[in-house]
Amino acid sequence: MRIEIFHASKYGNGEQVAEELQKVLATKGVQANVHHMDEVKPRELPQADLYVFGSPTRMGKPPGGVRRFIKKLGLPSGSKYAIFAT
C-alpha cells in the first residue's frame, strides 16, 4: 500500500503529525511519503492508494490556501482520502 501525506504546516505542528504518521505506517510495512502542500500542484499528485491531508484551522476551518488546494484536487474517481486538523 502506498500513502501520500500532504500538510500545510506553518509553524511545524502539522509537519510533526505527518512525520509521526509516516513513522507509524513504516513500522507496519506501509510506504508513506510526506509533502508540504506548497511543494505540489493539486492536479499533479502522485498516484497512491490513500491520500491524507493535514491542515491548521483558523476560526474553525482550514485557511483559504488549503481550501483552494482541496477544491482543485484532481483525484481519480473512487480515491480514498483522510483529513486531519491541527
N, C-alpha and C. Protein backbone atom coordinates (compact mmCIF):
# COMPACT_ATOMS: atom_id res chain seq x y z
N MET A 1 0.84 -1.18 0.00
CA MET A 1 0.00 0.00 0.00
C MET A 1 0.89 1.24 0.00
N ARG A 2 0.48 2.21 -0.77
CA ARG A 2 1.23 3.47 -0.86
C ARG A 2 0.34 4.61 -0.39
N ILE A 3 0.87 5.42 0.52
CA ILE A 3 0.11 6.54 1.08
C ILE A 3 0.89 7.82 0.85
N GLU A 4 0.21 8.84 0.40
CA GLU A 4 0.80 10.17 0.22
C GLU A 4 0.17 11.10 1.26
N ILE A 5 1.01 11.73 2.07
CA ILE A 5 0.56 12.62 3.13
C ILE A 5 0.94 14.05 2.77
N PHE A 6 -0.04 14.93 2.81
CA PHE A 6 0.18 16.34 2.48
C PHE A 6 -0.22 17.19 3.68
N HIS A 7 0.62 18.15 4.02
CA HIS A 7 0.29 19.04 5.14
C HIS A 7 0.51 20.48 4.72
N ALA A 8 -0.12 21.39 5.45
CA ALA A 8 0.02 22.82 5.19
C ALA A 8 0.56 23.50 6.44
N SER A 9 1.52 22.87 7.06
CA SER A 9 2.06 23.35 8.33
C SER A 9 2.74 24.70 8.17
N LYS A 10 2.41 25.62 9.06
CA LYS A 10 3.04 26.94 9.05
C LYS A 10 4.10 27.02 10.17
N TYR A 11 3.77 26.45 11.33
CA TYR A 11 4.68 26.52 12.47
C TYR A 11 5.30 25.17 12.82
N GLY A 12 5.01 24.13 12.03
CA GLY A 12 5.64 22.84 12.23
C GLY A 12 4.79 21.78 12.89
N ASN A 13 3.63 22.14 13.45
CA ASN A 13 2.78 21.15 14.12
C ASN A 13 2.24 20.11 13.14
N GLY A 14 1.69 20.55 12.04
CA GLY A 14 1.15 19.62 11.03
C GLY A 14 2.24 18.75 10.44
N GLU A 15 3.40 19.31 10.26
CA GLU A 15 4.53 18.54 9.73
C GLU A 15 4.92 17.44 10.72
N GLN A 16 4.93 17.77 12.01
CA GLN A 16 5.27 16.77 13.02
C GLN A 16 4.25 15.63 13.03
N VAL A 17 2.96 15.98 12.92
CA VAL A 17 1.92 14.95 12.88
C VAL A 17 2.10 14.07 11.65
N ALA A 18 2.35 14.69 10.50
CA ALA A 18 2.52 13.94 9.25
C ALA A 18 3.73 13.01 9.34
N GLU A 19 4.84 13.50 9.89
CA GLU A 19 6.04 12.67 10.00
C GLU A 19 5.85 11.54 11.01
N GLU A 20 5.12 11.79 12.09
CA GLU A 20 4.85 10.72 13.05
C GLU A 20 3.96 9.65 12.42
N LEU A 21 2.97 10.09 11.66
CA LEU A 21 2.11 9.14 10.95
C LEU A 21 2.94 8.29 9.99
N GLN A 22 3.87 8.93 9.29
CA GLN A 22 4.76 8.22 8.38
C GLN A 22 5.58 7.16 9.13
N LYS A 23 6.10 7.50 10.30
CA LYS A 23 6.90 6.55 11.10
C LYS A 23 6.05 5.36 11.54
N VAL A 24 4.84 5.63 12.00
CA VAL A 24 3.95 4.55 12.45
C VAL A 24 3.61 3.63 11.29
N LEU A 25 3.31 4.21 10.15
CA LEU A 25 2.99 3.40 8.97
C LEU A 25 4.19 2.56 8.53
N ALA A 26 5.39 3.13 8.63
CA ALA A 26 6.60 2.39 8.24
C ALA A 26 6.79 1.14 9.11
N THR A 27 6.44 1.23 10.39
CA THR A 27 6.56 0.06 11.27
C THR A 27 5.59 -1.04 10.86
N LYS A 28 4.54 -0.66 10.14
CA LYS A 28 3.55 -1.64 9.65
C LYS A 28 3.88 -2.12 8.24
N GLY A 29 5.00 -1.62 7.68
CA GLY A 29 5.41 -2.03 6.34
C GLY A 29 4.73 -1.26 5.23
N VAL A 30 4.18 -0.10 5.55
CA VAL A 30 3.47 0.70 4.56
C VAL A 30 4.36 1.86 4.12
N GLN A 31 4.46 2.05 2.82
CA GLN A 31 5.25 3.17 2.28
C GLN A 31 4.40 4.43 2.33
N ALA A 32 4.91 5.45 3.00
CA ALA A 32 4.21 6.73 3.08
C ALA A 32 5.21 7.85 2.80
N ASN A 33 4.78 8.81 2.02
CA ASN A 33 5.62 9.97 1.68
C ASN A 33 4.94 11.23 2.20
N VAL A 34 5.74 12.15 2.74
CA VAL A 34 5.22 13.39 3.30
C VAL A 34 5.61 14.55 2.40
N HIS A 35 4.63 15.43 2.13
CA HIS A 35 4.85 16.61 1.29
C HIS A 35 4.17 17.82 1.92
N HIS A 36 4.77 18.98 1.75
CA HIS A 36 4.07 20.23 2.09
C HIS A 36 3.19 20.57 0.89
N MET A 37 2.00 21.08 1.14
CA MET A 37 1.08 21.40 0.03
C MET A 37 1.68 22.42 -0.94
N ASP A 38 2.61 23.24 -0.46
CA ASP A 38 3.25 24.22 -1.35
C ASP A 38 4.18 23.56 -2.36
N GLU A 39 4.58 22.31 -2.11
CA GLU A 39 5.54 21.61 -2.97
C GLU A 39 4.89 20.92 -4.17
N VAL A 40 3.58 20.80 -4.18
CA VAL A 40 2.89 20.05 -5.23
C VAL A 40 1.74 20.86 -5.80
N LYS A 41 1.38 20.51 -7.03
CA LYS A 41 0.21 21.12 -7.65
C LYS A 41 -0.97 20.17 -7.44
N PRO A 42 -2.14 20.70 -7.10
CA PRO A 42 -3.29 19.85 -6.77
C PRO A 42 -3.67 18.85 -7.86
N ARG A 43 -3.48 19.18 -9.10
CA ARG A 43 -3.87 18.29 -10.20
C ARG A 43 -2.75 17.33 -10.60
N GLU A 44 -1.60 17.41 -9.93
CA GLU A 44 -0.46 16.56 -10.27
C GLU A 44 0.03 15.75 -9.08
N LEU A 45 -0.88 15.25 -8.27
CA LEU A 45 -0.49 14.46 -7.12
C LEU A 45 0.02 13.09 -7.57
N PRO A 46 1.01 12.56 -6.84
CA PRO A 46 1.49 11.22 -7.17
C PRO A 46 0.38 10.19 -6.97
N GLN A 47 0.46 9.10 -7.69
CA GLN A 47 -0.54 8.06 -7.56
C GLN A 47 -0.38 7.37 -6.20
N ALA A 48 -1.51 7.08 -5.53
CA ALA A 48 -1.47 6.45 -4.21
C ALA A 48 -2.75 5.68 -3.95
N ASP A 49 -2.67 4.78 -2.97
CA ASP A 49 -3.85 4.03 -2.54
C ASP A 49 -4.69 4.86 -1.57
N LEU A 50 -4.03 5.76 -0.84
CA LEU A 50 -4.70 6.62 0.13
C LEU A 50 -4.00 7.97 0.17
N TYR A 51 -4.78 9.03 0.21
CA TYR A 51 -4.26 10.38 0.35
C TYR A 51 -4.67 10.90 1.73
N VAL A 52 -3.72 11.53 2.43
CA VAL A 52 -4.01 12.12 3.74
C VAL A 52 -3.65 13.59 3.66
N PHE A 53 -4.58 14.45 4.07
CA PHE A 53 -4.37 15.89 4.03
C PHE A 53 -4.46 16.44 5.44
N GLY A 54 -3.49 17.28 5.82
CA GLY A 54 -3.47 17.88 7.14
C GLY A 54 -3.42 19.39 7.03
N SER A 55 -4.14 20.04 7.93
CA SER A 55 -4.22 21.49 7.86
C SER A 55 -4.40 22.08 9.25
N PRO A 56 -3.84 23.28 9.46
CA PRO A 56 -4.20 24.00 10.68
C PRO A 56 -5.63 24.53 10.52
N THR A 57 -6.18 25.01 11.57
CA THR A 57 -7.51 25.61 11.47
C THR A 57 -7.41 27.07 11.88
N ARG A 58 -8.21 27.88 11.23
CA ARG A 58 -8.32 29.31 11.54
C ARG A 58 -9.80 29.60 11.67
N MET A 59 -10.20 29.98 12.86
CA MET A 59 -11.60 30.30 13.12
C MET A 59 -12.51 29.12 12.73
N GLY A 60 -12.07 27.90 13.04
CA GLY A 60 -12.88 26.72 12.85
C GLY A 60 -12.85 26.08 11.47
N LYS A 61 -12.02 26.58 10.58
CA LYS A 61 -11.93 25.97 9.25
C LYS A 61 -10.50 26.11 8.72
N PRO A 62 -10.18 25.36 7.67
CA PRO A 62 -8.83 25.46 7.10
C PRO A 62 -8.61 26.86 6.49
N PRO A 63 -7.37 27.31 6.45
CA PRO A 63 -7.07 28.59 5.80
C PRO A 63 -7.46 28.56 4.32
N GLY A 64 -7.63 29.73 3.74
CA GLY A 64 -8.07 29.85 2.34
C GLY A 64 -7.21 29.09 1.36
N GLY A 65 -5.89 29.11 1.53
CA GLY A 65 -5.00 28.41 0.61
C GLY A 65 -5.25 26.90 0.60
N VAL A 66 -5.54 26.35 1.76
CA VAL A 66 -5.82 24.91 1.86
C VAL A 66 -7.17 24.61 1.22
N ARG A 67 -8.17 25.44 1.47
CA ARG A 67 -9.49 25.23 0.85
C ARG A 67 -9.38 25.28 -0.67
N ARG A 68 -8.61 26.22 -1.20
CA ARG A 68 -8.43 26.31 -2.66
C ARG A 68 -7.70 25.08 -3.19
N PHE A 69 -6.68 24.62 -2.47
CA PHE A 69 -5.93 23.43 -2.86
C PHE A 69 -6.88 22.24 -2.98
N ILE A 70 -7.70 22.03 -1.98
CA ILE A 70 -8.61 20.89 -1.96
C ILE A 70 -9.66 20.99 -3.07
N LYS A 71 -10.15 22.20 -3.33
CA LYS A 71 -11.13 22.37 -4.41
C LYS A 71 -10.54 22.03 -5.78
N LYS A 72 -9.25 22.24 -5.94
CA LYS A 72 -8.59 22.00 -7.23
C LYS A 72 -8.07 20.57 -7.39
N LEU A 73 -8.22 19.74 -6.37
CA LEU A 73 -7.68 18.38 -6.44
C LEU A 73 -8.20 17.64 -7.66
N GLY A 74 -7.31 16.91 -8.27
CA GLY A 74 -7.68 16.09 -9.43
C GLY A 74 -7.59 14.62 -9.09
N LEU A 75 -8.19 14.21 -7.98
CA LEU A 75 -8.14 12.80 -7.58
C LEU A 75 -9.02 11.96 -8.49
N PRO A 76 -8.55 10.79 -8.86
CA PRO A 76 -9.39 9.89 -9.67
C PRO A 76 -10.65 9.51 -8.90
N SER A 77 -11.71 9.24 -9.62
CA SER A 77 -12.97 8.83 -9.01
C SER A 77 -12.74 7.58 -8.16
N GLY A 78 -13.30 7.58 -6.97
CA GLY A 78 -13.16 6.44 -6.07
C GLY A 78 -11.92 6.48 -5.21
N SER A 79 -11.13 7.54 -5.29
CA SER A 79 -9.91 7.64 -4.47
C SER A 79 -10.28 7.73 -3.00
N LYS A 80 -9.45 7.12 -2.17
CA LYS A 80 -9.66 7.18 -0.73
C LYS A 80 -8.79 8.28 -0.16
N TYR A 81 -9.35 9.00 0.83
CA TYR A 81 -8.59 10.08 1.45
C TYR A 81 -9.00 10.23 2.90
N ALA A 82 -8.15 10.88 3.67
CA ALA A 82 -8.40 11.18 5.08
C ALA A 82 -7.90 12.59 5.33
N ILE A 83 -8.46 13.23 6.35
CA ILE A 83 -8.09 14.60 6.68
C ILE A 83 -7.81 14.69 8.18
N PHE A 84 -6.75 15.44 8.55
CA PHE A 84 -6.54 15.74 9.97
C PHE A 84 -6.32 17.24 10.13
N ALA A 85 -6.65 17.74 11.30
CA ALA A 85 -6.51 19.17 11.58
C ALA A 85 -5.65 19.35 12.83
N THR A 86 -4.85 20.40 12.83
CA THR A 86 -4.02 20.71 14.00
C THR A 86 -4.42 22.06 14.55
